[in-house]
Amino acid sequence: MTKRKTYHVTKTDDGWQGKVEGGKRASITGDTKADVMKKTIDLAKNQGNTSVKIHKTDGKIQEERTFPKSSDPFPPEG
């Protein structure tokens, strides 16, 4: 099984960014969290075996989405 690539959506001084974990530059940048989140999720979906960690403005993780959903190691019940 290949290692899962993880993207983080985080707040910056200039807006928001979507960046692969360990990357030097942001893959996606924008003014609004919603716009950057959508574009980062679309990018992750196209790559497969990825996850997107969405952070609050204070840096804490708000939620995590895994793609494809069937590859989630801890799927919730129900």
N, C-alpha and C. Protein backbone atom coordinates (compact mmCIF):
# COMPACT_ATOMS: atom_id res chain seq x y z
N MET A 1 0.84 -1.19 0.00
CA MET A 1 0.00 0.00 0.00
C MET A 1 0.88 1.25 0.00
N THR A 2 0.54 2.20 -0.84
CA THR A 2 1.33 3.42 -0.91
C THR A 2 0.95 4.37 0.22
N LYS A 3 1.89 5.22 0.54
CA LYS A 3 1.68 6.19 1.62
C LYS A 3 0.66 7.23 1.18
N ARG A 4 -0.21 7.60 2.07
CA ARG A 4 -1.25 8.60 1.79
C ARG A 4 -0.62 9.99 1.78
N LYS A 5 -0.94 10.78 0.76
CA LYS A 5 -0.50 12.17 0.67
C LYS A 5 -1.51 13.02 1.44
N THR A 6 -1.01 13.92 2.27
CA THR A 6 -1.88 14.76 3.10
C THR A 6 -1.71 16.23 2.74
N TYR A 7 -2.84 16.89 2.52
CA TYR A 7 -2.88 18.32 2.27
C TYR A 7 -3.43 19.01 3.51
N HIS A 8 -2.96 20.22 3.78
CA HIS A 8 -3.45 21.02 4.90
C HIS A 8 -4.00 22.34 4.35
N VAL A 9 -5.21 22.69 4.78
CA VAL A 9 -5.80 23.99 4.46
C VAL A 9 -5.62 24.85 5.71
N THR A 10 -4.81 25.91 5.57
CA THR A 10 -4.46 26.74 6.73
C THR A 10 -4.57 28.22 6.41
N LYS A 11 -4.72 29.01 7.46
CA LYS A 11 -4.77 30.47 7.37
C LYS A 11 -3.36 31.02 7.23
N THR A 12 -3.21 32.03 6.37
CA THR A 12 -1.94 32.73 6.22
C THR A 12 -2.18 34.22 6.45
N ASP A 13 -1.13 35.00 6.40
CA ASP A 13 -1.26 36.46 6.55
C ASP A 13 -2.04 37.06 5.39
N ASP A 14 -1.97 36.42 4.22
CA ASP A 14 -2.61 36.96 3.01
C ASP A 14 -3.94 36.30 2.67
N GLY A 15 -4.37 35.31 3.43
CA GLY A 15 -5.61 34.61 3.13
C GLY A 15 -5.54 33.16 3.60
N TRP A 16 -5.76 32.24 2.67
CA TRP A 16 -5.74 30.81 2.98
C TRP A 16 -4.88 30.07 1.97
N GLN A 17 -4.38 28.89 2.37
CA GLN A 17 -3.58 28.09 1.46
C GLN A 17 -3.89 26.61 1.63
N GLY A 18 -3.72 25.87 0.55
CA GLY A 18 -3.79 24.42 0.57
C GLY A 18 -2.40 23.92 0.18
N LYS A 19 -1.75 23.19 1.07
CA LYS A 19 -0.36 22.80 0.85
C LYS A 19 -0.15 21.35 1.25
N VAL A 20 0.60 20.62 0.42
CA VAL A 20 0.91 19.24 0.74
C VAL A 20 1.83 19.21 1.95
N GLU A 21 1.62 18.22 2.81
CA GLU A 21 2.43 18.10 4.03
C GLU A 21 3.91 17.96 3.66
N GLY A 22 4.74 18.81 4.24
CA GLY A 22 6.17 18.79 3.96
C GLY A 22 6.57 19.61 2.75
N GLY A 23 5.59 20.17 2.04
CA GLY A 23 5.88 20.97 0.85
C GLY A 23 6.41 22.35 1.20
N LYS A 24 7.16 22.92 0.28
CA LYS A 24 7.72 24.26 0.51
C LYS A 24 6.76 25.36 0.07
N ARG A 25 6.00 25.08 -1.01
CA ARG A 25 5.09 26.10 -1.54
C ARG A 25 3.65 25.58 -1.51
N ALA A 26 2.72 26.51 -1.42
CA ALA A 26 1.30 26.15 -1.43
C ALA A 26 0.88 25.70 -2.83
N SER A 27 0.04 24.69 -2.89
CA SER A 27 -0.52 24.24 -4.16
C SER A 27 -1.68 25.13 -4.56
N ILE A 28 -2.44 25.60 -3.57
CA ILE A 28 -3.62 26.44 -3.79
C ILE A 28 -3.55 27.62 -2.83
N THR A 29 -3.87 28.81 -3.31
CA THR A 29 -3.97 29.97 -2.43
C THR A 29 -5.25 30.73 -2.80
N GLY A 30 -5.77 31.50 -1.84
CA GLY A 30 -6.95 32.29 -2.11
C GLY A 30 -7.32 33.15 -0.92
N ASP A 31 -8.35 33.97 -1.14
CA ASP A 31 -8.80 34.91 -0.12
C ASP A 31 -9.75 34.28 0.90
N THR A 32 -10.53 33.26 0.46
CA THR A 32 -11.52 32.68 1.36
C THR A 32 -11.21 31.22 1.66
N LYS A 33 -11.56 30.82 2.86
CA LYS A 33 -11.36 29.43 3.27
C LYS A 33 -12.18 28.49 2.40
N ALA A 34 -13.42 28.86 2.11
CA ALA A 34 -14.31 28.01 1.32
C ALA A 34 -13.73 27.73 -0.07
N ASP A 35 -13.22 28.75 -0.72
CA ASP A 35 -12.66 28.61 -2.07
C ASP A 35 -11.42 27.72 -2.06
N VAL A 36 -10.51 27.96 -1.13
CA VAL A 36 -9.27 27.17 -1.04
C VAL A 36 -9.60 25.74 -0.65
N MET A 37 -10.54 25.56 0.25
CA MET A 37 -10.93 24.23 0.68
C MET A 37 -11.49 23.43 -0.50
N LYS A 38 -12.38 24.02 -1.29
CA LYS A 38 -12.97 23.34 -2.44
C LYS A 38 -11.90 22.94 -3.45
N LYS A 39 -11.02 23.86 -3.78
CA LYS A 39 -9.97 23.57 -4.77
C LYS A 39 -8.99 22.52 -4.27
N THR A 40 -8.65 22.56 -2.99
CA THR A 40 -7.73 21.58 -2.41
C THR A 40 -8.39 20.19 -2.39
N ILE A 41 -9.66 20.13 -2.05
CA ILE A 41 -10.38 18.85 -2.04
C ILE A 41 -10.47 18.29 -3.46
N ASP A 42 -10.76 19.14 -4.45
CA ASP A 42 -10.80 18.69 -5.85
C ASP A 42 -9.45 18.13 -6.27
N LEU A 43 -8.37 18.80 -5.90
CA LEU A 43 -7.02 18.34 -6.21
C LEU A 43 -6.76 16.98 -5.57
N ALA A 44 -7.13 16.83 -4.32
CA ALA A 44 -6.92 15.58 -3.59
C ALA A 44 -7.74 14.44 -4.19
N LYS A 45 -8.97 14.71 -4.56
CA LYS A 45 -9.83 13.68 -5.16
C LYS A 45 -9.23 13.14 -6.45
N ASN A 46 -8.65 14.03 -7.25
CA ASN A 46 -8.06 13.63 -8.53
C ASN A 46 -6.80 12.79 -8.36
N GLN A 47 -6.13 12.91 -7.23
CA GLN A 47 -4.89 12.17 -7.00
C GLN A 47 -5.13 10.81 -6.36
N GLY A 48 -6.21 10.65 -5.63
CA GLY A 48 -6.50 9.38 -4.96
C GLY A 48 -5.55 9.12 -3.80
N ASN A 49 -5.99 8.29 -2.86
CA ASN A 49 -5.24 7.95 -1.65
C ASN A 49 -4.62 9.19 -0.99
N THR A 50 -5.48 10.16 -0.72
CA THR A 50 -5.07 11.42 -0.10
C THR A 50 -6.00 11.76 1.05
N SER A 51 -5.57 12.70 1.86
CA SER A 51 -6.44 13.26 2.88
C SER A 51 -6.23 14.77 2.92
N VAL A 52 -7.27 15.47 3.35
CA VAL A 52 -7.21 16.92 3.49
C VAL A 52 -7.56 17.25 4.93
N LYS A 53 -6.63 17.89 5.62
CA LYS A 53 -6.87 18.34 6.99
C LYS A 53 -7.20 19.83 6.92
N ILE A 54 -8.39 20.16 7.37
CA ILE A 54 -8.86 21.54 7.32
C ILE A 54 -8.70 22.14 8.72
N HIS A 55 -7.96 23.25 8.78
CA HIS A 55 -7.63 23.88 10.06
C HIS A 55 -8.52 25.10 10.31
N LYS A 56 -8.73 25.41 11.57
CA LYS A 56 -9.41 26.65 11.97
C LYS A 56 -8.40 27.79 11.88
N THR A 57 -8.86 29.01 12.06
CA THR A 57 -7.95 30.16 12.01
C THR A 57 -6.88 30.09 13.08
N ASP A 58 -7.15 29.40 14.20
CA ASP A 58 -6.16 29.29 15.28
C ASP A 58 -5.17 28.15 15.04
N GLY A 59 -5.31 27.43 13.94
CA GLY A 59 -4.38 26.36 13.59
C GLY A 59 -4.81 24.97 14.02
N LYS A 60 -5.83 24.87 14.87
CA LYS A 60 -6.31 23.55 15.29
C LYS A 60 -7.06 22.89 14.14
N ILE A 61 -6.99 21.55 14.09
CA ILE A 61 -7.68 20.83 13.02
C ILE A 61 -9.18 20.84 13.27
N GLN A 62 -9.92 21.28 12.27
CA GLN A 62 -11.37 21.34 12.33
C GLN A 62 -11.97 20.01 11.87
N GLU A 63 -11.46 19.49 10.74
CA GLU A 63 -11.93 18.21 10.21
C GLU A 63 -10.90 17.63 9.26
N GLU A 64 -11.07 16.33 8.98
CA GLU A 64 -10.20 15.66 8.02
C GLU A 64 -11.07 14.88 7.06
N ARG A 65 -10.75 14.97 5.77
CA ARG A 65 -11.47 14.22 4.74
C ARG A 65 -10.48 13.32 4.02
N THR A 66 -10.89 12.08 3.77
CA THR A 66 -10.04 11.09 3.14
C THR A 66 -10.62 10.70 1.78
N PHE A 67 -9.75 10.57 0.78
CA PHE A 67 -10.18 10.21 -0.57
C PHE A 67 -9.33 9.06 -1.10
N PRO A 68 -9.89 8.04 -1.74
CA PRO A 68 -11.33 7.81 -1.74
C PRO A 68 -11.81 7.43 -0.35
N LYS A 69 -13.07 7.67 -0.12
CA LYS A 69 -13.64 7.46 1.22
C LYS A 69 -13.41 6.03 1.71
N SER A 70 -13.40 5.08 0.79
CA SER A 70 -13.22 3.67 1.17
C SER A 70 -11.83 3.38 1.74
N SER A 71 -10.87 4.29 1.53
CA SER A 71 -9.52 4.09 2.05
C SER A 71 -9.31 4.66 3.44
N ASP A 72 -10.37 5.22 4.04
CA ASP A 72 -10.27 5.80 5.37
C ASP A 72 -9.94 4.70 6.39
N PRO A 73 -8.82 4.82 7.12
CA PRO A 73 -8.44 3.77 8.05
C PRO A 73 -9.35 3.67 9.28
N PHE A 74 -10.08 4.71 9.59
CA PHE A 74 -10.97 4.71 10.76
C PHE A 74 -12.34 5.24 10.39
N PRO A 75 -13.08 4.54 9.52
CA PRO A 75 -14.40 5.07 9.13
C PRO A 75 -15.36 5.03 10.32
N PRO A 76 -16.13 6.10 10.52
CA PRO A 76 -17.09 6.11 11.60
C PRO A 76 -18.25 5.16 11.31
N GLU A 77 -18.87 4.64 12.34
CA GLU A 77 -20.02 3.77 12.16
C GLU A 77 -21.24 4.60 11.81
N GLY A 78 -22.12 4.02 10.99
CA GLY A 78 -23.39 4.65 10.66
C GLY A 78 -23.30 5.64 9.66
